[in-house]
């Protein structure tokens, strides 16, 4: 079986979609079932084919040419609309599109699509509130730009979902990471975002903390990822951590992200490389940038829970990584997180410092209960399990395609 994996973002580019795709590709290649996988990505990625970009209006032509050259049995698209060029038309929302829409209509090979974005109206409009505060118009231009962006998002809310639904309709199979996402898109298969520790066997918590010069006598809540408004980092330095708890931060920036950091960590910087620390300090910022998988595993082994104060999300690779390492979560009360909180894997709270502090305290009081639920769940995230589910879908799509031409 030959698979063409389509993902604009791909390592060494930084970003969760690319990292997920690389792990899936590596696992599929190592199954021993003769799965061949070629990757088409951006010029900055390390795929076998390159040439697609969020700004390339000819993405479809590039993809069709590569399909013709490589002759795959399956094309698997990791569909995050913005990675392929999302054009929102405020005058005629029906004309809103991406630069790979024609590819879906013209490709003669079965397409499988994994959806990475599906928003509620609340989250979709939340994106419109993120306006760059620079440029020729200066500060006086911010209200006008915000109003234009908000209007464009409001009239295109249905159009965005229609773009997803069209991809599902034209695919032989659709894949989502949660029931919530599948319901927003209108169907498809549920396959959880794969996640496994990069370091096995697990490292003792005390040893992992030594590596990061973290205290051994505190419970640690960790926040990892992009330190932006979208990810909700604006409230982290306002959380009054419960007694016995400390917040540890490590932020980075995505390859295509234009959003600036909103978190001022200057006064919380951990300037010591020893285990000596201020007993009154409740926040430590590691400032290590984008973490390699081994570093990420070590930091999660050093922690007790993950904090996810997101304003907007359709899914969270950080949450799945944390669950794979046995950590429960405290997250914003978004529908995606609520689904996993209902499974006993964490707690959701209103996105404000007081509510988050209360949720961290509550989870700490029943930590063993949540930890046990996470341990029972995390086996479903193993890449071996995830890759088998994908292979089953590929095989069914190929068979279905053959029957259609008999």
Protein backbone atom coordinates (compact mmCIF):
# COMPACT_ATOMS: atom_id res chain seq x y z
CA UNK A 1 0.00 0.00 0.00
CA UNK A 2 1.34 3.41 -1.00
CA UNK A 3 0.18 6.53 0.84
CA UNK A 4 0.76 10.16 -0.09
CA UNK A 5 0.58 12.20 3.14
CA UNK A 6 -0.34 15.85 2.55
CA UNK A 7 0.58 18.37 5.24
CA UNK A 8 1.95 21.86 4.58
CA UNK A 9 3.58 21.93 8.01
CA UNK A 10 6.22 19.23 8.58
CA UNK A 11 9.41 18.95 10.67
CA UNK A 12 11.83 20.59 11.08
CA UNK A 13 9.06 23.20 10.89
CA UNK A 14 7.53 23.88 14.30
CA UNK A 15 3.86 23.22 14.89
CA UNK A 16 1.49 20.65 16.31
CA UNK A 17 -0.08 19.53 13.01
CA UNK A 18 3.32 18.79 11.50
CA UNK A 19 4.56 17.00 14.60
CA UNK A 20 1.44 14.81 14.68
CA UNK A 21 1.82 13.99 10.99
CA UNK A 22 5.50 13.08 11.35
CA UNK A 23 4.75 10.67 14.20
CA UNK A 24 1.93 9.04 12.21
CA UNK A 25 4.17 8.69 9.15
CA UNK A 26 6.98 7.15 11.16
CA UNK A 27 4.63 4.64 12.77
CA UNK A 28 2.97 3.64 9.48
CA UNK A 29 6.37 3.02 7.91
CA UNK A 30 7.47 0.82 10.81
CA UNK A 31 4.44 -1.48 10.97
CA UNK A 32 6.11 -4.22 8.90
CA UNK A 33 3.04 -4.39 6.66
CA UNK A 34 4.72 -2.89 3.61
CA UNK A 35 3.20 0.56 4.00
CA UNK A 36 5.03 3.12 1.88
CA UNK A 37 4.49 6.76 2.80
CA UNK A 38 5.64 9.83 0.88
CA UNK A 39 5.06 13.31 2.32
CA UNK A 40 4.25 16.49 0.41
CA UNK A 41 4.83 19.65 2.47
CA UNK A 42 6.15 23.21 2.45
CA UNK A 43 9.61 24.09 1.15
CA UNK A 44 10.80 24.36 4.76
CA UNK A 45 9.75 20.79 5.60
CA UNK A 46 11.64 17.54 5.05
CA UNK A 47 9.05 15.65 3.00
CA UNK A 48 9.81 13.69 -0.15
CA UNK A 49 7.85 16.31 -2.14
CA UNK A 50 7.54 20.04 -1.51
CA UNK A 51 5.81 23.04 -2.96
CA UNK A 52 2.55 23.66 -1.08
CA UNK A 53 2.10 26.77 1.03
CA UNK A 54 -0.63 28.86 2.70
CA UNK A 55 0.10 31.53 0.09
CA UNK A 56 0.36 29.31 -3.00
CA UNK A 57 -2.77 29.67 -5.12
CA UNK A 58 -1.58 26.71 -7.22
CA UNK A 59 -1.55 24.17 -4.37
CA UNK A 60 -4.08 22.00 -6.19
CA UNK A 61 -1.99 21.91 -9.37
CA UNK A 62 1.10 20.95 -7.34
CA UNK A 63 -0.78 18.12 -5.60
CA UNK A 64 -2.36 16.77 -8.79
CA UNK A 65 1.03 16.65 -10.49
CA UNK A 66 2.60 14.76 -7.57
CA UNK A 67 -0.27 12.28 -7.45
CA UNK A 68 0.23 11.64 -11.16
CA UNK A 69 3.98 11.13 -10.67
CA UNK A 70 3.96 9.03 -7.50
CA UNK A 71 0.77 7.01 -8.18
CA UNK A 72 -0.31 6.42 -4.54
CA UNK A 73 -3.16 4.12 -3.51
CA UNK A 74 -4.37 6.66 -0.94
CA UNK A 75 -3.99 10.40 -0.46
CA UNK A 76 -4.25 11.40 3.18
CA UNK A 77 -4.76 15.14 3.78
CA UNK A 78 -4.12 16.67 7.20
CA UNK A 79 -6.71 19.43 6.79
CA UNK A 80 -6.10 22.60 8.74
CA UNK A 81 -7.62 25.16 6.31
CA UNK A 82 -5.19 27.95 7.10
CA UNK A 83 -2.23 25.77 6.15
CA UNK A 84 -3.49 25.53 2.56
CA UNK A 85 -4.65 29.11 2.06
CA UNK A 86 -8.04 30.02 3.58
CA UNK A 87 -9.76 32.87 1.72
CA UNK A 88 -12.80 34.36 3.46
CA UNK A 89 -15.04 36.46 1.22
CA UNK A 90 -17.07 38.95 3.26
CA UNK A 91 -19.17 40.07 0.26
CA UNK A 92 -20.05 36.57 -0.91
CA UNK A 93 -19.37 33.93 1.77
CA UNK A 94 -20.27 31.18 -0.70
CA UNK A 95 -17.09 32.10 -2.56
CA UNK A 96 -14.89 31.46 0.50
CA UNK A 97 -12.42 28.70 -0.24
CA UNK A 98 -9.01 27.17 0.20
CA UNK A 99 -6.31 26.65 -2.40
CA UNK A 100 -6.80 22.88 -2.36
CA UNK A 101 -10.54 22.86 -3.08
CA UNK A 102 -9.98 22.04 -6.79
CA UNK A 103 -7.73 19.14 -5.82
CA UNK A 104 -10.57 17.44 -3.95
CA UNK A 105 -12.80 17.68 -7.02
CA UNK A 106 -10.20 16.51 -9.54
CA UNK A 107 -8.15 13.88 -7.68
CA UNK A 108 -8.81 10.37 -8.99
CA UNK A 109 -7.17 8.62 -6.04
CA UNK A 110 -9.22 7.98 -2.85
CA UNK A 111 -8.74 10.79 -0.33
CA UNK A 112 -8.81 10.36 3.44
CA UNK A 113 -9.05 13.61 5.41
CA UNK A 114 -8.09 14.26 9.03
CA UNK A 115 -9.79 17.44 10.28
CA UNK A 116 -7.82 19.69 12.62
CA UNK A 117 -10.29 22.60 12.96
CA UNK A 118 -13.98 22.75 13.90
CA UNK A 119 -15.19 25.70 15.96
CA UNK A 120 -18.22 26.85 17.86
CA UNK A 121 -19.40 30.38 17.03
CA UNK A 122 -17.89 31.57 20.31
CA UNK A 123 -14.44 30.29 19.32
CA UNK A 124 -14.71 31.33 15.68
CA UNK A 125 -15.51 34.91 16.67
CA UNK A 126 -12.79 34.79 19.31
CA UNK A 127 -10.26 34.52 16.50
CA UNK A 128 -11.53 37.81 15.08
CA UNK A 129 -10.55 39.58 18.29
CA UNK A 130 -6.88 38.84 17.70
CA UNK A 131 -5.65 41.88 15.78
CA UNK A 132 -2.02 42.76 15.16
CA UNK A 133 -1.12 45.97 16.99
CA UNK A 134 1.43 47.24 14.52
CA UNK A 135 1.64 48.54 10.98
CA UNK A 136 1.27 51.83 9.18
CA UNK A 137 -2.11 52.67 10.72
CA UNK A 138 -0.72 52.47 14.26
CA UNK A 139 -2.94 52.26 17.32
CA UNK A 140 -5.72 54.36 15.78
CA UNK A 141 -6.19 51.68 13.14
CA UNK A 142 -6.87 48.85 15.59
CA UNK A 143 -10.64 49.45 16.08
CA UNK A 144 -11.24 49.62 12.32
CA UNK A 145 -9.21 46.48 11.62
CA UNK A 146 -10.97 44.66 14.46
CA UNK A 147 -14.41 45.63 13.16
CA UNK A 148 -13.60 44.50 9.62
CA UNK A 149 -12.16 41.21 10.82
CA UNK A 150 -15.12 40.55 13.14
CA UNK A 151 -17.62 41.18 10.33
CA UNK A 152 -15.70 38.94 7.92
CA UNK A 153 -15.67 36.12 10.50
CA UNK A 154 -19.32 36.52 11.42
CA UNK A 155 -20.64 36.28 7.86
CA UNK A 156 -18.26 33.38 7.08
CA UNK A 157 -19.02 31.14 10.06
CA UNK A 158 -21.29 28.85 8.03
CA UNK A 159 -18.90 29.04 5.06
CA UNK A 160 -16.03 27.75 7.18
CA UNK A 161 -18.06 24.72 8.24
CA UNK A 162 -19.22 24.21 4.66
CA UNK A 163 -15.56 24.04 3.58
CA UNK A 164 -15.01 21.23 6.09
CA UNK A 165 -18.21 19.45 5.15
CA UNK A 166 -17.35 19.58 1.47
CA UNK A 167 -14.00 17.91 2.20
CA UNK A 168 -15.79 15.20 4.18
CA UNK A 169 -18.26 14.65 1.33
CA UNK A 170 -15.47 14.35 -1.26
CA UNK A 171 -13.34 12.05 0.92
CA UNK A 172 -13.65 8.30 1.16
CA UNK A 173 -13.27 8.73 4.92
CA UNK A 174 -13.00 11.58 7.41
CA UNK A 175 -11.12 11.41 10.72
CA UNK A 176 -11.55 13.57 13.84
CA UNK A 177 -9.82 13.55 17.24
CA UNK A 178 -13.02 13.80 19.29
CA UNK A 179 -16.76 13.26 19.15
CA UNK A 180 -17.17 17.02 19.46
CA UNK A 181 -15.13 17.63 16.29
CA UNK A 182 -16.97 14.91 14.37
CA UNK A 183 -20.31 16.43 15.33
CA UNK A 184 -19.23 19.89 14.11
CA UNK A 185 -18.03 18.48 10.79
CA UNK A 186 -21.02 16.21 10.31
CA UNK A 187 -19.62 12.69 10.60
CA UNK A 188 -16.51 10.63 10.06
CA UNK A 189 -14.38 8.31 12.17
CA UNK A 190 -13.13 9.00 15.69
CA UNK A 191 -9.42 8.29 16.07
CA UNK A 192 -7.70 9.92 19.02
CA UNK A 193 -4.60 12.02 18.46
CA UNK A 194 -1.69 9.61 18.96
CA UNK A 195 0.72 10.32 21.80
CA UNK A 196 3.43 8.36 23.59
CA UNK A 197 6.38 9.24 25.81
CA UNK A 198 9.60 9.63 23.84
CA UNK A 199 11.50 8.23 26.80
CA UNK A 200 10.71 4.71 28.01
CA UNK A 201 10.72 3.43 30.67
CA UNK A 202 9.41 6.47 32.51
CA UNK A 203 11.86 8.66 34.39
CA UNK A 204 11.28 9.10 38.16
CA UNK A 205 9.74 12.48 38.94
CA UNK A 206 12.61 13.50 41.25
CA UNK A 207 15.22 12.82 38.57
CA UNK A 208 13.24 14.68 35.90
CA UNK A 209 12.94 17.70 38.19
CA UNK A 210 16.67 17.77 38.79
CA UNK A 211 17.23 18.23 35.06
CA UNK A 212 15.04 21.36 35.02
CA UNK A 213 16.16 22.58 38.49
CA UNK A 214 12.60 22.32 39.79
CA UNK A 215 11.59 21.91 43.44
CA UNK A 216 10.90 18.38 44.61
CA UNK A 217 8.47 19.26 47.40
CA UNK A 218 5.76 20.97 45.29
CA UNK A 219 2.98 19.78 43.03
CA UNK A 220 3.71 21.18 39.58
CA UNK A 221 1.17 22.43 37.03
CA UNK A 222 2.81 22.87 33.63
CA UNK A 223 1.84 25.05 30.66
CA UNK A 224 3.55 24.23 27.35
CA UNK A 225 3.13 25.68 23.87
CA UNK A 226 2.53 29.00 22.19
CA UNK A 227 2.43 31.88 24.69
CA UNK A 228 -0.31 33.72 22.82
CA UNK A 229 -3.82 35.09 23.37
CA UNK A 230 -5.29 32.16 21.43
CA UNK A 231 -3.75 29.75 23.90
CA UNK A 232 -4.89 31.91 26.80
CA UNK A 233 -1.52 32.62 28.38
CA UNK A 234 -2.66 36.10 29.38
CA UNK A 235 -4.12 34.74 32.65
CA UNK A 236 -1.23 32.51 33.75
CA UNK A 237 0.73 35.10 35.73
CA UNK A 238 -2.52 36.15 37.45
CA UNK A 239 -3.33 32.74 38.91
CA UNK A 240 -2.79 32.59 42.66
CA UNK A 241 -1.54 29.02 42.85
CA UNK A 242 -2.96 26.95 45.75
CA UNK A 243 -0.67 26.08 48.64
CA UNK A 244 1.72 23.33 47.72
CA UNK A 245 1.48 24.06 43.98
CA UNK A 246 3.81 25.78 41.52
CA UNK A 247 3.31 26.80 37.88
CA UNK A 248 6.03 25.91 35.36
CA UNK A 249 5.95 27.48 31.87
CA UNK A 250 7.68 26.87 28.57
CA UNK A 251 6.55 28.81 25.52
CA UNK A 252 7.48 28.61 21.84
CA UNK A 253 6.38 29.97 18.47
CA UNK A 254 4.90 28.12 15.50
CA UNK A 255 6.38 28.29 12.01
CA UNK A 256 3.46 30.14 10.42
CA UNK A 257 2.21 31.92 13.56
CA UNK A 258 1.98 35.71 13.26
CA UNK A 259 0.49 36.13 16.70
CA UNK A 260 2.73 37.82 19.24
CA UNK A 261 3.31 36.51 22.74
CA UNK A 262 1.01 38.05 25.35
CA UNK A 263 2.82 36.74 28.40
CA UNK A 264 5.33 38.91 30.25
CA UNK A 265 7.65 36.53 32.08
CA UNK A 266 10.44 38.93 32.96
CA UNK A 267 9.57 39.05 36.63
CA UNK A 268 9.06 35.28 36.93
CA UNK A 269 12.25 34.19 35.21
CA UNK A 270 14.08 31.27 36.82
CA UNK A 271 17.63 32.62 36.93
CA UNK A 272 19.13 29.83 39.00
CA UNK A 273 20.49 26.55 37.71
CA UNK A 274 20.47 25.02 41.15
CA UNK A 275 17.72 23.60 43.32
CA UNK A 276 17.71 26.74 45.46
CA UNK A 277 14.58 28.77 44.88
CA UNK A 278 12.36 31.32 46.55
CA UNK A 279 9.75 29.46 48.60
CA UNK A 280 7.25 32.22 47.79
CA UNK A 281 7.79 31.93 44.04
CA UNK A 282 4.81 30.32 42.36
CA UNK A 283 5.77 30.63 38.70
CA UNK A 284 8.94 29.48 36.95
CA UNK A 285 9.48 30.10 33.24
CA UNK A 286 11.98 27.69 31.69
CA UNK A 287 12.39 29.73 28.48
CA UNK A 288 13.66 26.76 26.45
CA UNK A 289 11.63 27.42 23.31
CA UNK A 290 10.28 24.60 21.14
CA UNK A 291 11.05 21.31 22.89
CA UNK A 292 12.33 18.18 21.22
CA UNK A 293 10.24 15.08 21.97
CA UNK A 294 12.73 13.82 24.56
CA UNK A 295 12.76 17.20 26.34
CA UNK A 296 8.96 17.35 26.28
CA UNK A 297 8.72 13.89 27.83
CA UNK A 298 11.18 14.80 30.55
CA UNK A 299 9.25 17.96 31.44
CA UNK A 300 5.96 16.05 31.59
CA UNK A 301 7.55 13.39 33.78
CA UNK A 302 8.56 16.23 36.11
CA UNK A 303 4.99 17.55 36.34
CA UNK A 304 1.69 16.59 37.97
CA UNK A 305 -0.90 18.19 35.70
CA UNK A 306 -1.14 20.31 32.57
CA UNK A 307 -2.84 23.72 32.39
CA UNK A 308 -4.72 24.56 29.17
CA UNK A 309 -6.30 28.04 29.46
CA UNK A 310 -7.14 28.19 25.73
CA UNK A 311 -9.54 30.76 24.31
CA UNK A 312 -9.93 28.73 21.12
CA UNK A 313 -9.30 25.09 20.24
CA UNK A 314 -10.55 22.26 18.07
CA UNK A 315 -8.08 19.85 19.59
CA UNK A 316 -4.96 19.92 21.69
CA UNK A 317 -1.82 17.92 21.04
CA UNK A 318 -0.50 19.14 24.39
CA UNK A 319 -3.49 17.59 26.17
CA UNK A 320 -2.99 14.24 24.43
CA UNK A 321 0.76 14.30 25.14
CA UNK A 322 0.07 14.99 28.80
CA UNK A 323 -2.50 12.20 29.06
CA UNK A 324 0.01 9.81 27.48
CA UNK A 325 2.42 10.68 30.29
CA UNK A 326 -0.24 10.08 32.94
CA UNK A 327 -1.10 13.73 33.66
CA UNK A 328 -4.67 14.97 34.12
CA UNK A 329 -5.56 18.51 32.98
CA UNK A 330 -7.23 21.73 34.03
CA UNK A 331 -8.61 23.48 30.93
CA UNK A 332 -10.95 26.21 29.77
CA UNK A 333 -14.63 25.28 29.54
CA UNK A 334 -14.54 24.72 25.78
CA UNK A 335 -16.57 21.90 24.24
CA UNK A 336 -13.50 19.93 23.17
CA UNK A 337 -12.09 19.83 26.71
CA UNK A 338 -15.50 19.15 28.26
CA UNK A 339 -15.71 15.87 26.34
CA UNK A 340 -12.53 14.56 27.98
CA UNK A 341 -13.38 16.04 31.38
CA UNK A 342 -16.61 14.02 31.30
CA UNK A 343 -14.38 10.94 30.95
CA UNK A 344 -12.73 11.80 34.26
CA UNK A 345 -9.44 12.90 32.68
CA UNK A 346 -9.43 16.44 34.03
CA UNK A 347 -11.45 19.47 35.03
CA UNK A 348 -12.74 22.41 32.99
CA UNK A 349 -13.19 25.88 34.44
CA UNK A 350 -14.22 29.37 33.41
CA UNK A 351 -11.27 31.09 31.81
CA UNK A 352 -10.29 33.39 34.66
CA UNK A 353 -7.49 33.19 37.27
CA UNK A 354 -9.75 32.50 40.27
CA UNK A 355 -11.64 29.65 38.58
CA UNK A 356 -8.41 28.04 37.39
CA UNK A 357 -6.88 28.23 40.86
CA UNK A 358 -9.98 26.58 42.34
CA UNK A 359 -9.91 23.85 39.69
CA UNK A 360 -6.24 23.10 40.36
CA UNK A 361 -6.98 22.83 44.07
CA UNK A 362 -10.01 20.59 43.40
CA UNK A 363 -8.05 18.28 41.16
CA UNK A 364 -5.26 18.09 43.72
CA UNK A 365 -7.72 17.02 46.41
CA UNK A 366 -8.81 14.03 44.28
CA UNK A 367 -5.58 13.52 42.37
CA UNK A 368 -5.47 9.72 42.65
CA UNK A 369 -8.95 9.42 41.13
CA UNK A 370 -8.03 11.49 38.08
CA UNK A 371 -4.64 9.82 37.73
CA UNK A 372 -6.28 6.39 37.66
CA UNK A 373 -8.73 7.47 34.94
CA UNK A 374 -5.86 8.80 32.84
CA UNK A 375 -3.89 5.56 33.23
CA UNK A 376 -6.93 3.57 32.07
CA UNK A 377 -7.37 5.81 29.03
CA UNK A 378 -3.86 6.49 27.73
CA UNK A 379 -3.45 3.08 26.04
CA UNK A 380 -5.88 4.28 23.35
CA UNK A 381 -3.34 6.95 22.36
CA UNK A 382 -0.51 4.55 21.54
CA UNK A 383 0.74 5.08 18.00
CA UNK A 384 0.51 1.34 17.31
CA UNK A 385 -3.24 1.51 18.02
CA UNK A 386 -3.68 4.73 16.03
CA UNK A 387 -1.76 3.46 12.98
CA UNK A 388 -3.79 0.22 12.87
CA UNK A 389 -7.00 2.25 12.80
CA UNK A 390 -5.62 4.28 9.91
CA UNK A 391 -4.55 1.22 7.95
CA UNK A 392 -8.04 -0.26 8.35
CA UNK A 393 -9.53 2.95 6.93
CA UNK A 394 -7.05 3.03 4.04
CA UNK A 395 -7.77 -0.62 3.17
CA UNK A 396 -11.52 -0.07 3.22
CA UNK A 397 -11.20 3.03 1.01
CA UNK A 398 -9.06 1.15 -1.55
CA UNK A 399 -11.52 -1.75 -1.62
CA UNK A 400 -14.47 0.62 -1.96
CA UNK A 401 -12.74 2.39 -4.84
CA UNK A 402 -12.05 -0.87 -6.67
CA UNK A 403 -15.65 -2.05 -6.30
CA UNK A 404 -16.86 1.25 -7.77
CA UNK A 405 -15.03 0.45 -11.02
CA UNK A 406 -16.05 -3.21 -11.33
